[in-house]
Amino acid sequence: MNEERDGDAAAAAARHARYGRLPGRIRFEEMTEGVEAGPNGGVRASYAPEGAWKYYACLALDLGL
């Protein structure tokens, strides 16, 4: 039983050495970023109906059914 406590104490000491302190706080201002939006509302690509089929997935088609 004593050996188990020594192992637990050693593991706890190693864990404390590695994770003993939490990182510093991050302010809310550092987490957000303001970006100016353009007149098109952020949409860069136009809709092309003839190529729209490329972006849809169908399990039946993937399995060859």
C-alpha atoms as a PDB file:
ATOM      1  CA  MET A   1       0.000   0.000   0.000  1.00  0.00           C
ATOM      2  CA  ASN A   2       2.880   2.359   0.749  1.00  0.00           C
ATOM      3  CA  GLU A   3       4.358   1.783  -2.716  1.00  0.00           C
ATOM      4  CA  GLU A   4       1.026   2.703  -4.281  1.00  0.00           C
ATOM      5  CA  ARG A   5       0.947   5.995  -2.357  1.00  0.00           C
ATOM      6  CA  ASP A   6       4.521   6.761  -3.413  1.00  0.00           C
ATOM      7  CA  GLY A   7       3.575   6.105  -7.036  1.00  0.00           C
ATOM      8  CA  ASP A   8       0.511   8.312  -6.701  1.00  0.00           C
ATOM      9  CA  ALA A   9       2.583  11.063  -5.109  1.00  0.00           C
ATOM     10  CA  ALA A  10       5.192  10.824  -7.852  1.00  0.00           C
ATOM     11  CA  ALA A  11       2.498  10.915 -10.524  1.00  0.00           C
ATOM     12  CA  ALA A  12       0.855  13.883  -8.814  1.00  0.00           C
ATOM     13  CA  ALA A  13       4.180  15.724  -8.640  1.00  0.00           C
ATOM     14  CA  ALA A  14       4.850  15.071 -12.333  1.00  0.00           C
ATOM     15  CA  ARG A  15       1.320  16.181 -13.240  1.00  0.00           C
ATOM     16  CA  HIS A  16       1.698  19.329 -11.169  1.00  0.00           C
ATOM     17  CA  ALA A  17       5.047  20.113 -12.800  1.00  0.00           C
ATOM     18  CA  ARG A  18       3.469  19.811 -16.231  1.00  0.00           C
ATOM     19  CA  TYR A  19      -0.010  21.254 -15.639  1.00  0.00           C
ATOM     20  CA  GLY A  20       0.434  23.130 -12.378  1.00  0.00           C
ATOM     21  CA  ARG A  21      -0.794  26.492 -13.594  1.00  0.00           C
ATOM     22  CA  LEU A  22      -3.608  27.604 -15.862  1.00  0.00           C
ATOM     23  CA  PRO A  23      -2.767  29.889 -18.780  1.00  0.00           C
ATOM     24  CA  GLY A  24      -3.464  33.584 -18.428  1.00  0.00           C
ATOM     25  CA  ARG A  25      -6.879  34.999 -19.201  1.00  0.00           C
ATOM     26  CA  ILE A  26      -7.683  36.159 -22.713  1.00  0.00           C
ATOM     27  CA  ARG A  27      -9.656  39.371 -22.924  1.00  0.00           C
ATOM     28  CA  PHE A  28     -12.823  39.474 -25.021  1.00  0.00           C
ATOM     29  CA  GLU A  29     -11.311  42.136 -27.269  1.00  0.00           C
ATOM     30  CA  GLU A  30      -8.506  39.733 -28.169  1.00  0.00           C
ATOM     31  CA  MET A  31     -10.988  37.009 -29.157  1.00  0.00           C
ATOM     32  CA  THR A  32     -12.956  39.052 -31.680  1.00  0.00           C
ATOM     33  CA  GLU A  33     -11.986  40.778 -34.879  1.00  0.00           C
ATOM     34  CA  GLY A  34     -13.927  43.421 -36.741  1.00  0.00           C
ATOM     35  CA  VAL A  35     -13.783  43.301 -40.529  1.00  0.00           C
ATOM     36  CA  GLU A  36     -15.351  45.789 -42.900  1.00  0.00           C
ATOM     37  CA  ALA A  37     -17.971  44.138 -45.124  1.00  0.00           C
ATOM     38  CA  GLY A  38     -18.085  44.926 -48.802  1.00  0.00           C
ATOM     39  CA  PRO A  39     -21.149  46.084 -50.757  1.00  0.00           C
ATOM     40  CA  ASN A  40     -21.906  42.538 -51.978  1.00  0.00           C
ATOM     41  CA  GLY A  41     -22.454  41.267 -48.424  1.00  0.00           C
ATOM     42  CA  GLY A  42     -19.438  38.995 -48.421  1.00  0.00           C
ATOM     43  CA  VAL A  43     -20.565  36.864 -51.353  1.00  0.00           C
ATOM     44  CA  ARG A  44     -17.689  36.526 -53.782  1.00  0.00           C
ATOM     45  CA  ALA A  45     -18.895  33.779 -56.109  1.00  0.00           C
ATOM     46  CA  SER A  46     -21.970  33.991 -58.240  1.00  0.00           C
ATOM     47  CA  TYR A  47     -24.514  31.169 -58.464  1.00  0.00           C
ATOM     48  CA  ALA A  48     -24.066  28.904 -61.488  1.00  0.00           C
ATOM     49  CA  PRO A  49     -27.031  26.499 -61.779  1.00  0.00           C
ATOM     50  CA  GLU A  50     -25.303  24.291 -64.358  1.00  0.00           C
ATOM     51  CA  GLY A  51     -22.466  23.545 -61.968  1.00  0.00           C
ATOM     52  CA  ALA A  52     -24.514  23.312 -58.780  1.00  0.00           C
ATOM     53  CA  TRP A  53     -24.811  19.505 -58.995  1.00  0.00           C
ATOM     54  CA  LYS A  54     -21.115  19.213 -58.112  1.00  0.00           C
ATOM     55  CA  TYR A  55     -21.697  20.418 -54.566  1.00  0.00           C
ATOM     56  CA  TYR A  56     -24.463  18.024 -53.502  1.00  0.00           C
ATOM     57  CA  ALA A  57     -23.798  14.547 -52.127  1.00  0.00           C
ATOM     58  CA  CYS A  58     -26.170  11.641 -52.621  1.00  0.00           C
ATOM     59  CA  LEU A  59     -25.533   8.356 -50.829  1.00  0.00           C
ATOM     60  CA  ALA A  60     -27.374   6.377 -53.519  1.00  0.00           C
ATOM     61  CA  LEU A  61     -25.131   7.836 -56.217  1.00  0.00           C
ATOM     62  CA  ASP A  62     -22.027   7.263 -54.120  1.00  0.00           C
ATOM     63  CA  LEU A  63     -22.950   3.582 -53.703  1.00  0.00           C
ATOM     64  CA  GLY A  64     -23.763   3.233 -57.396  1.00  0.00           C
ATOM     65  CA  LEU A  65     -27.455   2.462 -56.843  1.00  0.00           C
END
